[in-house]
C-alpha atoms as a PDB file:
ATOM      1  CA  MET A   1     -59.909-123.972 218.559  1.00  0.00           C
ATOM      2  CA  ARG A   2     -60.149-127.473 217.107  1.00  0.00           C
ATOM      3  CA  GLU A   3     -62.680-129.065 214.764  1.00  0.00           C
ATOM      4  CA  ASP A   4     -64.122-131.112 217.643  1.00  0.00           C
ATOM      5  CA  GLU A   5     -64.804-127.865 219.545  1.00  0.00           C
ATOM      6  CA  ILE A   6     -67.352-126.719 216.942  1.00  0.00           C
ATOM      7  CA  TYR A   7     -70.789-128.073 217.771  1.00  0.00           C
ATOM      8  CA  PHE A   8     -73.118-129.153 214.989  1.00  0.00           C
ATOM      9  CA  SER A   9     -76.538-130.508 215.935  1.00  0.00           C
ATOM     10  CA  GLU A  10     -78.089-133.217 213.778  1.00  0.00           C
ATOM     11  CA  SER A  11     -80.429-130.679 212.163  1.00  0.00           C
ATOM     12  CA  ILE A  12     -77.529-128.338 211.379  1.00  0.00           C
ATOM     13  CA  LEU A  13     -75.498-131.177 209.884  1.00  0.00           C
ATOM     14  CA  SER A  14     -78.482-132.183 207.787  1.00  0.00           C
ATOM     15  CA  SER A  15     -78.859-128.634 206.449  1.00  0.00           C
ATOM     16  CA  LEU A  16     -75.138-128.383 205.725  1.00  0.00           C
ATOM     17  CA  ASP A  17     -75.263-131.677 203.819  1.00  0.00           C
ATOM     18  CA  ILE A  18     -78.144-130.319 201.717  1.00  0.00           C
ATOM     19  CA  TYR A  19     -76.166-127.122 201.156  1.00  0.00           C
ATOM     20  CA  ILE A  20     -73.147-129.085 199.905  1.00  0.00           C
ATOM     21  CA  GLU A  21     -75.291-131.086 197.494  1.00  0.00           C
ATOM     22  CA  LEU A  22     -76.864-127.888 196.151  1.00  0.00           C
ATOM     23  CA  ILE A  23     -73.429-126.419 195.481  1.00  0.00           C
ATOM     24  CA  LYS A  24     -72.439-129.524 193.512  1.00  0.00           C
ATOM     25  CA  LYS A  25     -75.690-129.365 191.528  1.00  0.00           C
ATOM     26  CA  TRP A  26     -75.482-125.647 190.702  1.00  0.00           C
ATOM     27  CA  GLN A  27     -71.723-125.749 190.060  1.00  0.00           C
ATOM     28  CA  LYS A  28     -72.462-127.401 186.708  1.00  0.00           C
ATOM     29  CA  ASN A  29     -74.020-124.170 185.445  1.00  0.00           C
ATOM     30  CA  ILE A  30     -72.490-121.421 187.578  1.00  0.00           C
ATOM     31  CA  ASN A  31     -69.011-121.078 189.018  1.00  0.00           C
ATOM     32  CA  LEU A  32     -69.579-121.106 192.785  1.00  0.00           C
ATOM     33  CA  VAL A  33     -66.307-122.569 194.070  1.00  0.00           C
ATOM     34  CA  SER A  34     -62.951-123.442 192.540  1.00  0.00           C
ATOM     35  CA  LYS A  35     -62.655-126.754 190.716  1.00  0.00           C
ATOM     36  CA  ASN A  36     -59.906-127.964 193.030  1.00  0.00           C
ATOM     37  CA  SER A  37     -62.110-127.529 196.114  1.00  0.00           C
ATOM     38  CA  ILE A  38     -65.412-128.984 194.874  1.00  0.00           C
ATOM     39  CA  ASN A  39     -64.511-132.464 196.159  1.00  0.00           C
ATOM     40  CA  ASP A  40     -63.570-131.219 199.627  1.00  0.00           C
ATOM     41  CA  LEU A  41     -66.313-128.693 200.346  1.00  0.00           C
ATOM     42  CA  TRP A  42     -66.564-129.639 204.022  1.00  0.00           C
ATOM     43  CA  ASN A  43     -62.989-128.778 205.000  1.00  0.00           C
ATOM     44  CA  ARG A  44     -62.195-126.125 202.411  1.00  0.00           C
ATOM     45  CA  HIS A  45     -65.381-124.110 202.784  1.00  0.00           C
ATOM     46  CA  VAL A  46     -67.905-125.283 205.393  1.00  0.00           C
ATOM     47  CA  LEU A  47     -65.571-125.914 208.316  1.00  0.00           C
ATOM     48  CA  ASP A  48     -63.439-122.930 207.353  1.00  0.00           C
ATOM     49  CA  SER A  49     -66.583-120.772 207.650  1.00  0.00           C
ATOM     50  CA  ALA A  50     -67.993-122.453 210.765  1.00  0.00           C
ATOM     51  CA  GLN A  51     -64.910-121.607 212.823  1.00  0.00           C
ATOM     52  CA  LEU A  52     -65.908-117.924 212.682  1.00  0.00           C
ATOM     53  CA  TYR A  53     -69.132-118.533 214.637  1.00  0.00           C
ATOM     54  CA  SER A  54     -67.598-118.239 218.121  1.00  0.00           C
ATOM     55  CA  LEU A  55     -65.637-115.138 217.079  1.00  0.00           C
ATOM     56  CA  LEU A  56     -68.682-113.023 216.229  1.00  0.00           C
ATOM     57  CA  PRO A  57     -70.059-110.444 218.694  1.00  0.00           C
ATOM     58  CA  ALA A  58     -73.345-111.075 220.490  1.00  0.00           C
ATOM     59  CA  PRO A  59     -76.446-110.006 218.501  1.00  0.00           C
ATOM     60  CA  LYS A  60     -77.770-106.457 218.979  1.00  0.00           C
ATOM     61  CA  LYS A  61     -81.223-105.322 217.920  1.00  0.00           C
ATOM     62  CA  GLY A  62     -81.251-103.263 214.733  1.00  0.00           C
ATOM     63  CA  LEU A  63     -77.678-104.117 213.770  1.00  0.00           C
ATOM     64  CA  TYR A  64     -76.472-106.646 211.235  1.00  0.00           C
ATOM     65  CA  ILE A  65     -73.574-108.835 210.248  1.00  0.00           C
ATOM     66  CA  TYR A  66     -72.777-108.163 206.610  1.00  0.00           C
ATOM     67  CA  ASP A  67     -71.116-110.920 204.606  1.00  0.00           C
ATOM     68  CA  LEU A  68     -69.535-109.035 201.727  1.00  0.00           C
ATOM     69  CA  GLY A  69     -69.201-110.702 198.337  1.00  0.00           C
ATOM     70  CA  SER A  70     -70.989-113.796 199.585  1.00  0.00           C
ATOM     71  CA  GLY A  71     -70.614-115.785 196.367  1.00  0.00           C
ATOM     72  CA  ALA A  72     -71.571-119.361 197.224  1.00  0.00           C
ATOM     73  CA  GLY A  73     -72.437-118.233 200.762  1.00  0.00           C
ATOM     74  CA  PHE A  74     -69.173-118.626 202.630  1.00  0.00           C
ATOM     75  CA  PRO A  75     -68.993-117.798 205.443  1.00  0.00           C
ATOM     76  CA  GLY A  76     -72.408-116.136 205.870  1.00  0.00           C
ATOM     77  CA  MET A  77     -74.738-118.966 204.882  1.00  0.00           C
ATOM     78  CA  VAL A  78     -72.907-121.452 207.093  1.00  0.00           C
ATOM     79  CA  LEU A  79     -73.102-119.067 210.055  1.00  0.00           C
ATOM     80  CA  ALA A  80     -76.829-118.568 209.456  1.00  0.00           C
ATOM     81  CA  ILE A  81     -77.442-122.315 209.244  1.00  0.00           C
ATOM     82  CA  MET A  82     -75.599-122.582 212.566  1.00  0.00           C
ATOM     83  CA  GLY A  83     -78.052-120.145 214.135  1.00  0.00           C
ATOM     84  CA  ARG A  84     -77.164-116.498 213.527  1.00  0.00           C
ATOM     85  CA  LYS A  85     -80.318-114.639 212.497  1.00  0.00           C
ATOM     86  CA  ASP A  86     -78.756-111.212 211.927  1.00  0.00           C
ATOM     87  CA  ILE A  87     -76.705-111.970 208.828  1.00  0.00           C
ATOM     88  CA  ILE A  88     -77.181-110.254 205.476  1.00  0.00           C
ATOM     89  CA  LEU A  89     -75.552-111.851 202.461  1.00  0.00           C
ATOM     90  CA  CYS A  90     -74.387-109.110 200.072  1.00  0.00           C
ATOM     91  CA  GLU A  91     -73.731-110.330 196.551  1.00  0.00           C
ATOM     92  CA  SER A  92     -73.615-108.322 193.315  1.00  0.00           C
ATOM     93  CA  ASN A  93     -74.093-111.326 190.998  1.00  0.00           C
ATOM     94  CA  LYS A  94     -77.805-112.017 190.392  1.00  0.00           C
ATOM     95  CA  ARG A  95     -77.359-115.709 189.576  1.00  0.00           C
ATOM     96  CA  LYS A  96     -75.420-116.287 192.770  1.00  0.00           C
ATOM     97  CA  CYS A  97     -78.196-114.514 194.673  1.00  0.00           C
ATOM     98  CA  GLU A  98     -80.683-116.934 193.101  1.00  0.00           C
ATOM     99  CA  PHE A  99     -78.552-119.825 194.317  1.00  0.00           C
ATOM    100  CA  LEU A 100     -78.365-118.398 197.840  1.00  0.00           C
ATOM    101  CA  LYS A 101     -82.142-117.935 197.936  1.00  0.00           C
ATOM    102  CA  GLU A 102     -82.589-121.558 196.895  1.00  0.00           C
ATOM    103  CA  VAL A 103     -80.298-122.708 199.714  1.00  0.00           C
ATOM    104  CA  SER A 104     -82.200-120.526 202.180  1.00  0.00           C
ATOM    105  CA  ARG A 105     -85.540-121.928 200.995  1.00  0.00           C
ATOM    106  CA  ILE A 106     -84.606-125.595 200.953  1.00  0.00           C
ATOM    107  CA  THR A 107     -82.719-125.543 204.263  1.00  0.00           C
ATOM    108  CA  ASN A 108     -85.323-123.246 205.863  1.00  0.00           C
ATOM    109  CA  THR A 109     -82.595-120.839 206.935  1.00  0.00           C
ATOM    110  CA  ASN A 110     -83.536-117.399 208.263  1.00  0.00           C
ATOM    111  CA  ILE A 111     -81.261-115.065 206.309  1.00  0.00           C
ATOM    112  CA  SER A 112     -81.458-111.935 204.177  1.00  0.00           C
ATOM    113  CA  ILE A 113     -79.941-112.015 200.693  1.00  0.00           C
ATOM    114  CA  VAL A 114     -79.370-108.710 198.920  1.00  0.00           C
ATOM    115  CA  ASN A 115     -78.243-108.197 195.335  1.00  0.00           C
ATOM    116  CA  ILE A 116     -76.007-105.221 196.078  1.00  0.00           C
ATOM    117  CA  ARG A 117     -72.450-103.980 195.961  1.00  0.00           C
ATOM    118  CA  ALA A 118     -70.987-103.439 199.411  1.00  0.00           C
ATOM    119  CA  GLN A 119     -70.325 -99.762 198.694  1.00  0.00           C
ATOM    120  CA  LYS A 120     -74.091 -99.118 198.540  1.00  0.00           C
ATOM    121  CA  LEU A 121     -74.905-100.473 202.020  1.00  0.00           C
ATOM    122  CA  ASP A 122     -76.241 -98.134 204.709  1.00  0.00           C
ATOM    123  CA  GLY A 123     -73.544 -96.365 206.669  1.00  0.00           C
ATOM    124  CA  ARG A 124     -72.753 -97.306 210.275  1.00  0.00           C
ATOM    125  CA  SER A 125     -75.248-100.189 210.277  1.00  0.00           C
ATOM    126  CA  ALA A 126     -72.897-103.152 210.740  1.00  0.00           C
ATOM    127  CA  LEU A 127     -72.394-104.904 214.054  1.00  0.00           C
ATOM    128  CA  ALA A 128     -69.767-106.980 212.278  1.00  0.00           C
ATOM    129  CA  ILE A 129     -68.445-107.568 208.785  1.00  0.00           C
ATOM    130  CA  THR A 130     -67.202-110.838 207.363  1.00  0.00           C
ATOM    131  CA  SER A 131     -65.776-111.579 203.958  1.00  0.00           C
ATOM    132  CA  ARG A 132     -63.904-114.473 202.479  1.00  0.00           C
ATOM    133  CA  ALA A 133     -61.795-114.362 199.327  1.00  0.00           C
ATOM    134  CA  LEU A 134     -63.354-111.103 198.108  1.00  0.00           C
ATOM    135  CA  ALA A 135     -60.412-108.715 198.224  1.00  0.00           C
ATOM    136  CA  SER A 136     -57.111-107.867 199.890  1.00  0.00           C
ATOM    137  CA  LEU A 137     -57.223-106.687 203.508  1.00  0.00           C
ATOM    138  CA  ASP A 138     -56.588-103.016 202.676  1.00  0.00           C
ATOM    139  CA  ALA A 139     -59.385-103.072 200.069  1.00  0.00           C
ATOM    140  CA  LEU A 140     -61.743-104.740 202.553  1.00  0.00           C
ATOM    141  CA  LEU A 141     -61.018-102.083 205.155  1.00  0.00           C
ATOM    142  CA  GLU A 142     -61.651 -99.329 202.613  1.00  0.00           C
ATOM    143  CA  ILE A 143     -65.077-100.843 201.919  1.00  0.00           C
ATOM    144  CA  SER A 144     -65.872-101.673 205.548  1.00  0.00           C
ATOM    145  CA  MET A 145     -65.053 -98.411 207.307  1.00  0.00           C
ATOM    146  CA  PRO A 146     -68.156 -96.454 206.168  1.00  0.00           C
ATOM    147  CA  ILE A 147     -70.461 -99.391 206.977  1.00  0.00           C
ATOM    148  CA  LEU A 148     -69.114-100.367 210.379  1.00  0.00           C
ATOM    149  CA  ARG A 149     -70.686 -98.888 213.493  1.00  0.00           C
ATOM    150  CA  GLU A 150     -68.539 -97.573 216.329  1.00  0.00           C
ATOM    151  CA  LYS A 151     -67.156-100.585 218.214  1.00  0.00           C
ATOM    152  CA  GLY A 152     -68.073-102.822 215.285  1.00  0.00           C
ATOM    153  CA  VAL A 153     -65.832-105.753 214.425  1.00  0.00           C
ATOM    154  CA  CYS A 154     -64.365-107.137 211.205  1.00  0.00           C
ATOM    155  CA  VAL A 155     -63.746-110.894 211.104  1.00  0.00           C
ATOM    156  CA  PHE A 156     -61.702-111.767 208.030  1.00  0.00           C
ATOM    157  CA  PRO A 157     -60.285-115.241 207.369  1.00  0.00           C
ATOM    158  CA  LYS A 158     -57.067-114.940 205.410  1.00  0.00           C
ATOM    159  CA  GLY A 159     -54.790-117.476 203.740  1.00  0.00           C
ATOM    160  CA  ARG A 160     -51.040-117.789 203.510  1.00  0.00           C
ATOM    161  CA  THR A 161     -50.578-114.150 202.410  1.00  0.00           C
ATOM    162  CA  TRP A 162     -52.130-112.774 205.604  1.00  0.00           C
ATOM    163  CA  LYS A 163     -48.868-111.228 206.893  1.00  0.00           C
ATOM    164  CA  GLU A 164     -48.172-109.472 203.621  1.00  0.00           C
ATOM    165  CA  GLU A 165     -51.751-108.175 203.433  1.00  0.00           C
ATOM    166  CA  LEU A 166     -51.516-106.866 206.986  1.00  0.00           C
ATOM    167  CA  THR A 167     -48.229-105.093 206.232  1.00  0.00           C
ATOM    168  CA  VAL A 168     -49.760-103.370 203.194  1.00  0.00           C
ATOM    169  CA  ALA A 169     -52.915-102.403 205.112  1.00  0.00           C
ATOM    170  CA  GLU A 170     -50.907-100.912 207.993  1.00  0.00           C
ATOM    171  CA  LYS A 171     -49.266 -98.472 205.598  1.00  0.00           C
ATOM    172  CA  LYS A 172     -52.678 -96.861 205.070  1.00  0.00           C
ATOM    173  CA  PHE A 173     -54.578 -97.642 208.287  1.00  0.00           C
ATOM    174  CA  ILE A 174     -54.035 -97.698 212.048  1.00  0.00           C
ATOM    175  CA  ILE A 175     -55.481-101.074 213.015  1.00  0.00           C
ATOM    176  CA  ASN A 176     -56.279-102.656 216.367  1.00  0.00           C
ATOM    177  CA  TYR A 177     -56.435-106.373 215.767  1.00  0.00           C
ATOM    178  CA  ASN A 178     -55.681-109.871 216.946  1.00  0.00           C
ATOM    179  CA  THR A 179     -55.305-113.095 215.030  1.00  0.00           C
ATOM    180  CA  VAL A 180     -56.683-116.582 215.578  1.00  0.00           C
ATOM    181  CA  GLN A 181     -55.118-119.662 214.048  1.00  0.00           C
ATOM    182  CA  SER A 182     -57.288-121.294 211.401  1.00  0.00           C
ATOM    183  CA  ILE A 183     -58.233-124.904 212.124  1.00  0.00           C
ATOM    184  CA  THR A 184     -58.274-125.770 208.421  1.00  0.00           C
ATOM    185  CA  SER A 185     -54.771-124.606 207.450  1.00  0.00           C
ATOM    186  CA  SER A 186     -51.580-124.025 209.413  1.00  0.00           C
ATOM    187  CA  ASP A 187     -50.750-121.196 206.987  1.00  0.00           C
ATOM    188  CA  SER A 188     -54.010-119.316 207.540  1.00  0.00           C
ATOM    189  CA  LYS A 189     -55.210-116.876 210.178  1.00  0.00           C
ATOM    190  CA  ILE A 190     -58.474-115.192 211.081  1.00  0.00           C
ATOM    191  CA  ILE A 191     -57.866-111.474 211.520  1.00  0.00           C
ATOM    192  CA  ILE A 192     -60.224-109.845 214.035  1.00  0.00           C
ATOM    193  CA  ILE A 193     -60.212-106.067 213.748  1.00  0.00           C
ATOM    194  CA  THR A 194     -61.727-104.090 216.613  1.00  0.00           C
ATOM    195  CA  LYS A 195     -60.748-100.585 215.539  1.00  0.00           C
ATOM    196  CA  VAL A 196     -59.506 -99.010 212.323  1.00  0.00           C
ATOM    197  CA  ARG A 197     -58.862 -95.508 211.064  1.00  0.00           C
ATOM    198  CA  LYS A 198     -57.016 -94.048 208.154  1.00  0.00           C
ATOM    199  CA  LYS A 199     -53.594 -92.563 208.662  1.00  0.00           C
ATOM    200  CA  TYR A 200     -53.487 -88.829 208.108  1.00  0.00           C
ATOM    201  CA  GLY A 201     -53.233 -87.951 204.459  1.00  0.00           C
ATOM    202  CA  LYS A 202     -53.729 -91.496 203.197  1.00  0.00           C
END
């Protein structure tokens, strides 16, 4: 996948531009993104999130894509702006939820925003789970397993430590997965997990 293979309509680009400006505005009062990425939000956050769109499963009635620890809304808000209507942003910080609701309102994006810890989500209700920079892979799998339906999928973008995280996770879990090269960093991968179960006694 290359950047020029991701399609953004004019209306989507307009909404993403508004989103970026809102992050810069709110960043003055609440820590949404790291200081060293605020001046490159498009590549570091928006494009990095948008590349997940084609990797998500087709929508299914009554099932949801949970974005765990949404923070500033990456990747979930970007994916919703791009057209997914089955995403739920799960964020435990109330102020960040207020920010996400403001983005949803101003960009007219159809998305659910829930002030909740991932561990409290309904069991077996997730078509897919995404999360970016929330926790290590083994911790994400621990959280995700009770939420994920049978044949559900986890789509986790990971940075330069992805191999080490996978090695640690495989000590505790049996994982069926494949990886996709990130278009925003040669050191990063997107780990797509199609099946996971705990090893006996772990």
